[in-house]
Amino acid sequence: MSPLAVFQPPRRRVGLLAGAGRFPILFAQAARRQGLSVHCLGVEGMATEELFECCDACEFLPLARIGRAIRTFRKSAIDRVVMAGKIEKVVLVRPHLFWRLLPDWRTLHMWFRYATGNKKDDTLLLAVIREFERDGITFDSALDYCPELLVNHGFLTRRKPTPAQWKDICFGWDLAKEMGRLDVGQSVMVKETAVLAVEAIEGTDQCIRRAGELCRKGGFTVVKVAKPQQDRRFDVPTIGQQTIQTMRECGAKVLAIEEGQTIVLDQDEVVRQADEAGIAIVSVNAGDMQLRCAA
């Protein structure tokens, strides 16, 4: 047999910076189905070990080792990287931050060169991207590889919001968009047009729990949207089975998310669990909100 007949060109490589949750796994699986070789760096204490099974190469490293991450990707000849998964930002407000993280020099450079103005999500994540770009490593959106994870328009569940709950959705939509514009958070919890909780550093699940503690009778609405200035390379609104489980435990009854801008992980199972719990999930857009609010 001719050597040319058995030659296989090397697969194109893509790097993955992985945080917590299912999103990194689903990204890796989608990228490999497309014939890509996935090289993963997972954040210790956040990323799941399941990534070893669905990536071509995988290792974990501490959060504040940007220099090591850059060297690892360059050694593997990787110049395209995606971010996927949640990074627990609360670590930044724990005591003895420096000694907990022990940042390397590139992390310190990133921190003091690009992130001194504030510690908003966009500021920090864009700072990470700029530090990698100094070494010729470019970040793509993970959704370029798995756009099917974005939710379509309409009702996902059998149950639909009541007129009173639609009023809460309309009320919460503008508030959530404003919180996104300010880069505070993506979600608000509403009951009878009263704001129960606004998501900040704690994340959506803990915000839902806080709303549940304040609204013991339950029945409140969760509105989760993209930022008006959303950068799809990071921090895209995401829901999954854990979201529904938390809502069920805390008594939330409606989840309104933004069409084409929200990732729904394991959608079939999410819908099944929501139907079982009597939770309504609806995917809406700005046009819907204008019509509903005008009605």
Protein backbone atom coordinates (compact mmCIF):
# COMPACT_ATOMS: atom_id res chain seq x y z
CA MET A 1 0.00 0.00 0.00
CA SER A 2 1.27 3.43 -0.90
CA PRO A 3 2.26 5.59 2.11
CA LEU A 4 0.02 8.33 0.69
CA ALA A 5 -3.00 6.04 1.00
CA VAL A 6 -2.69 5.79 4.78
CA PHE A 7 -1.58 9.33 5.53
CA GLN A 8 -3.92 11.13 7.92
CA PRO A 9 -3.45 14.90 8.31
CA PRO A 10 -3.19 16.02 11.94
CA ARG A 11 -6.45 17.16 13.48
CA ARG A 12 -6.80 20.85 14.14
CA ARG A 13 -6.35 21.61 17.82
CA VAL A 14 -8.43 23.80 20.07
CA GLY A 15 -7.73 24.73 23.67
CA LEU A 16 -10.33 24.69 26.42
CA LEU A 17 -10.15 26.69 29.64
CA ALA A 18 -12.71 24.85 31.76
CA GLY A 19 -14.57 25.99 34.84
CA ALA A 20 -17.38 24.26 36.69
CA GLY A 21 -20.48 22.60 35.28
CA ARG A 22 -21.55 20.63 32.23
CA PHE A 23 -20.82 23.24 29.56
CA PRO A 24 -17.11 22.33 29.14
CA ILE A 25 -18.06 18.66 28.67
CA LEU A 26 -20.71 19.42 26.06
CA PHE A 27 -18.32 21.75 24.24
CA ALA A 28 -15.55 19.11 24.17
CA GLN A 29 -17.93 16.46 22.86
CA ALA A 30 -19.21 18.79 20.12
CA ALA A 31 -15.71 19.86 19.08
CA ARG A 32 -14.51 16.25 18.83
CA ARG A 33 -17.54 15.31 16.73
CA GLN A 34 -16.33 18.00 14.33
CA GLY A 35 -12.94 16.30 14.11
CA LEU A 36 -11.08 18.70 16.41
CA SER A 37 -8.49 17.69 18.99
CA VAL A 38 -9.45 19.23 22.35
CA HIS A 39 -6.70 20.14 24.81
CA CYS A 40 -8.18 21.12 28.15
CA LEU A 41 -6.84 23.07 31.11
CA GLY A 42 -9.33 22.78 33.98
CA VAL A 43 -9.42 25.05 37.01
CA GLU A 44 -8.62 23.05 40.14
CA GLY A 45 -11.52 22.78 42.54
CA MET A 46 -14.04 23.80 39.87
CA ALA A 47 -13.72 21.72 36.70
CA THR A 48 -14.95 18.14 36.73
CA GLU A 49 -12.71 15.11 36.23
CA GLU A 50 -15.12 13.88 33.54
CA LEU A 51 -13.13 16.14 31.22
CA PHE A 52 -10.31 13.56 31.18
CA GLU A 53 -12.68 11.22 29.36
CA CYS A 54 -13.92 13.62 26.68
CA CYS A 55 -10.74 15.57 25.82
CA ASP A 56 -7.67 14.44 23.90
CA ALA A 57 -5.43 15.96 26.58
CA CYS A 58 -6.39 17.36 29.95
CA GLU A 59 -4.73 18.68 33.07
CA PHE A 60 -5.84 20.79 35.99
CA LEU A 61 -4.08 23.85 37.32
CA PRO A 62 -4.74 26.45 40.03
CA LEU A 63 -6.85 29.49 39.20
CA ALA A 64 -4.03 32.04 39.29
CA ARG A 65 -1.54 30.29 37.00
CA ILE A 66 -2.05 32.18 33.75
CA GLY A 67 1.64 31.94 32.89
CA ARG A 68 1.57 28.16 33.21
CA ALA A 69 -1.60 27.95 31.12
CA ILE A 70 -0.03 30.02 28.34
CA ARG A 71 3.11 27.89 28.34
CA THR A 72 1.08 24.69 28.25
CA PHE A 73 -1.00 25.80 25.27
CA ARG A 74 2.04 27.08 23.39
CA LYS A 75 3.90 23.82 24.00
CA SER A 76 0.94 22.00 22.40
CA ALA A 77 0.96 24.43 19.43
CA ILE A 78 -2.49 25.78 20.30
CA ASP A 79 -3.39 29.30 19.23
CA ARG A 80 -7.21 29.10 19.43
CA VAL A 81 -8.86 28.71 22.84
CA VAL A 82 -12.37 28.87 24.28
CA MET A 83 -13.65 29.45 27.81
CA ALA A 84 -16.50 27.30 29.12
CA GLY A 85 -17.89 26.72 32.59
CA LYS A 86 -18.45 28.79 35.69
CA ILE A 87 -15.60 30.40 37.59
CA GLU A 88 -16.49 30.91 41.24
CA LYS A 89 -15.78 34.61 41.65
CA VAL A 90 -16.43 34.49 45.40
CA VAL A 91 -12.84 33.31 45.86
CA LEU A 92 -11.80 36.91 45.21
CA VAL A 93 -13.44 38.17 48.39
CA ARG A 94 -12.18 35.51 50.77
CA PRO A 95 -9.52 36.43 53.32
CA HIS A 96 -5.81 36.13 52.55
CA LEU A 97 -6.45 36.19 48.80
CA PHE A 98 -2.80 36.37 47.73
CA TRP A 99 -1.71 33.44 49.87
CA ARG A 100 -4.70 31.37 48.85
CA LEU A 101 -4.07 31.85 45.13
CA LEU A 102 -0.28 32.39 44.99
CA PRO A 103 -0.48 33.98 41.53
CA ASP A 104 2.36 33.60 39.05
CA TRP A 105 4.00 36.59 37.37
CA ARG A 106 1.74 36.59 34.33
CA THR A 107 -1.35 36.60 36.56
CA LEU A 108 0.07 39.53 38.51
CA HIS A 109 0.83 41.36 35.26
CA MET A 110 -2.74 40.76 34.07
CA TRP A 111 -4.17 41.91 37.39
CA PHE A 112 -2.23 45.17 37.70
CA ARG A 113 -2.10 46.00 33.97
CA TYR A 114 -5.69 45.35 32.94
CA ALA A 115 -7.88 44.89 36.04
CA THR A 116 -7.15 47.77 38.40
CA GLY A 117 -10.20 49.86 37.48
CA ASN A 118 -12.80 47.44 38.87
CA LYS A 119 -13.42 43.72 39.36
CA LYS A 120 -16.53 43.32 37.23
CA ASP A 121 -16.90 40.08 35.26
CA ASP A 122 -16.24 41.69 31.89
CA THR A 123 -13.19 43.52 33.22
CA LEU A 124 -11.59 40.39 34.65
CA LEU A 125 -12.35 38.05 31.77
CA LEU A 126 -11.28 40.55 29.12
CA ALA A 127 -8.06 41.00 31.12
CA VAL A 128 -7.44 37.25 30.90
CA ILE A 129 -8.04 37.33 27.15
CA ARG A 130 -5.64 40.27 26.70
CA GLU A 131 -2.91 38.49 28.64
CA PHE A 132 -3.19 35.39 26.44
CA GLU A 133 -3.24 37.56 23.32
CA ARG A 134 0.22 38.87 24.21
CA ASP A 135 1.44 35.38 23.27
CA GLY A 136 -0.60 35.08 20.08
CA ILE A 137 -3.40 32.99 21.61
CA THR A 138 -6.87 34.04 20.43
CA PHE A 139 -10.15 33.30 22.18
CA ASP A 140 -13.23 32.15 20.28
CA SER A 141 -16.77 31.67 21.54
CA ALA A 142 -17.50 28.08 22.54
CA LEU A 143 -20.88 28.62 20.87
CA ASP A 144 -19.14 28.78 17.49
CA TYR A 145 -18.68 25.03 17.97
CA CYS A 146 -22.01 24.12 19.62
CA PRO A 147 -24.65 26.72 18.66
CA GLU A 148 -27.35 24.08 19.20
CA LEU A 149 -27.08 24.74 22.95
CA LEU A 150 -28.73 28.16 22.54
CA VAL A 151 -32.43 28.10 23.35
CA ASN A 152 -35.10 28.62 20.68
CA HIS A 153 -38.10 30.88 21.04
CA GLY A 154 -41.27 29.77 22.77
CA PHE A 155 -42.61 27.65 25.62
CA LEU A 156 -40.34 24.81 26.66
CA THR A 157 -42.69 23.26 29.21
CA ARG A 158 -46.32 22.15 29.35
CA ARG A 159 -47.12 24.76 31.96
CA LYS A 160 -47.28 28.39 30.82
CA PRO A 161 -47.05 31.59 32.87
CA THR A 162 -50.27 33.09 34.19
CA PRO A 163 -51.17 36.74 33.38
CA ALA A 164 -49.80 37.79 36.79
CA GLN A 165 -46.56 35.91 36.11
CA TRP A 166 -46.25 37.53 32.68
CA LYS A 167 -46.48 40.86 34.48
CA ASP A 168 -43.57 39.79 36.69
CA ILE A 169 -41.58 38.71 33.63
CA CYS A 170 -42.09 42.09 31.98
CA PHE A 171 -41.19 43.87 35.20
CA GLY A 172 -38.07 41.75 35.72
CA TRP A 173 -36.86 41.92 32.12
CA ASP A 174 -35.90 45.60 32.14
CA LEU A 175 -34.36 45.27 35.60
CA ALA A 176 -32.26 42.26 34.54
CA LYS A 177 -31.14 44.06 31.38
CA GLU A 178 -30.06 47.06 33.43
CA MET A 179 -28.16 44.87 35.88
CA GLY A 180 -26.46 43.29 32.86
CA ARG A 181 -25.59 46.68 31.41
CA LEU A 182 -23.96 47.57 34.73
CA ASP A 183 -22.20 44.16 34.69
CA VAL A 184 -23.61 43.27 38.11
CA GLY A 185 -25.44 40.07 37.21
CA GLN A 186 -27.82 38.41 34.78
CA SER A 187 -30.84 37.43 36.89
CA VAL A 188 -33.56 38.94 39.05
CA MET A 189 -36.19 37.23 41.20
CA VAL A 190 -39.64 38.82 41.22
CA LYS A 191 -42.93 38.22 43.06
CA GLU A 192 -45.98 40.39 42.36
CA THR A 193 -43.75 43.10 40.81
CA ALA A 194 -41.57 43.24 43.92
CA VAL A 195 -37.88 42.48 43.50
CA LEU A 196 -36.85 39.71 45.88
CA ALA A 197 -33.20 39.34 44.88
CA VAL A 198 -30.72 40.55 42.26
CA GLU A 199 -27.89 38.27 41.20
CA ALA A 200 -24.38 39.50 41.91
CA ILE A 201 -21.18 37.70 42.81
CA GLU A 202 -22.96 34.69 44.32
CA GLY A 203 -24.42 33.35 41.05
CA THR A 204 -27.91 32.38 39.96
CA ASP A 205 -28.48 29.36 42.21
CA GLN A 206 -27.56 31.19 45.42
CA CYS A 207 -29.65 34.16 44.32
CA ILE A 208 -32.66 31.85 43.88
CA ARG A 209 -32.05 30.44 47.36
CA ARG A 210 -31.95 33.95 48.82
CA ALA A 211 -35.26 34.77 47.11
CA GLY A 212 -36.75 31.55 48.48
CA GLU A 213 -35.77 32.51 52.01
CA LEU A 214 -37.45 35.90 51.61
CA CYS A 215 -40.56 34.59 49.86
CA ARG A 216 -41.64 31.61 51.95
CA LYS A 217 -44.96 31.24 50.12
CA GLY A 218 -43.06 30.58 46.88
CA GLY A 219 -44.46 31.10 43.41
CA PHE A 220 -41.87 33.68 42.40
CA THR A 221 -40.43 34.26 38.92
CA VAL A 222 -36.79 34.01 37.80
CA VAL A 223 -35.78 36.22 34.87
CA LYS A 224 -32.36 35.53 33.33
CA VAL A 225 -31.05 37.51 30.34
CA ALA A 226 -27.91 38.33 28.40
CA LYS A 227 -26.11 41.60 28.94
CA PRO A 228 -26.89 44.26 26.31
CA GLN A 229 -23.14 44.26 25.57
CA GLN A 230 -22.79 40.46 25.83
CA ASP A 231 -19.44 39.09 24.66
CA ARG A 232 -20.12 35.51 23.61
CA ARG A 233 -16.57 34.45 24.39
CA PHE A 234 -17.46 34.25 28.08
CA ASP A 235 -20.19 34.46 30.72
CA VAL A 236 -23.10 33.61 28.40
CA PRO A 237 -26.29 33.07 30.46
CA THR A 238 -26.63 29.36 31.21
CA ILE A 239 -29.23 27.18 32.86
CA GLY A 240 -29.29 23.45 33.51
CA GLN A 241 -30.65 20.72 35.71
CA GLN A 242 -29.19 22.33 38.83
CA THR A 243 -31.14 25.52 38.08
CA ILE A 244 -34.42 23.60 38.01
CA GLN A 245 -33.53 21.64 41.13
CA THR A 246 -32.78 24.86 43.01
CA MET A 247 -36.00 26.48 41.81
CA ARG A 248 -37.96 23.42 42.92
CA GLU A 249 -36.41 23.44 46.37
CA CYS A 250 -37.05 27.17 46.82
CA GLY A 251 -40.57 27.38 45.42
CA ALA A 252 -39.91 29.32 42.20
CA LYS A 253 -42.53 28.60 39.55
CA VAL A 254 -41.48 30.49 36.40
CA LEU A 255 -38.17 30.75 34.55
CA ALA A 256 -37.99 33.32 31.75
CA ILE A 257 -34.85 33.24 29.61
CA GLU A 258 -33.71 35.09 26.51
CA GLU A 259 -34.17 33.50 23.10
CA GLY A 260 -30.95 32.84 21.18
CA GLN A 261 -28.85 34.26 24.00
CA THR A 262 -29.16 31.60 26.74
CA ILE A 263 -27.48 28.21 26.90
CA VAL A 264 -29.72 25.36 28.05
CA LEU A 265 -27.62 22.36 29.07
CA ASP A 266 -29.22 18.92 28.68
CA GLN A 267 -32.45 20.56 27.53
CA ASP A 268 -34.59 17.40 27.37
CA GLU A 269 -33.82 16.55 30.98
CA VAL A 270 -34.29 20.16 32.08
CA VAL A 271 -37.75 20.24 30.52
CA ARG A 272 -38.67 16.85 32.01
CA GLN A 273 -37.69 17.97 35.50
CA ALA A 274 -39.50 21.29 35.10
CA ASP A 275 -42.69 19.57 33.96
CA GLU A 276 -42.46 17.21 36.91
CA ALA A 277 -42.08 20.16 39.31
CA GLY A 278 -44.83 22.26 37.70
CA ILE A 279 -42.34 24.95 36.65
CA ALA A 280 -42.98 27.02 33.52
CA ILE A 281 -40.00 27.80 31.27
CA VAL A 282 -40.44 30.36 28.50
CA SER A 283 -37.88 31.70 26.04
CA VAL A 284 -38.64 35.29 25.04
CA ASN A 285 -37.07 38.24 23.24
CA ALA A 286 -37.23 42.02 23.40
CA GLY A 287 -40.10 42.12 20.91
CA ASP A 288 -42.17 39.82 23.09
CA MET A 289 -41.56 42.05 26.07
CA GLN A 290 -42.63 45.18 24.20
CA LEU A 291 -45.89 43.54 23.12
CA ARG A 292 -46.61 42.04 26.55
CA CYS A 293 -45.84 45.24 28.42
CA ALA A 294 -48.00 47.27 26.03
CA ALA A 295 -50.97 44.90 26.40
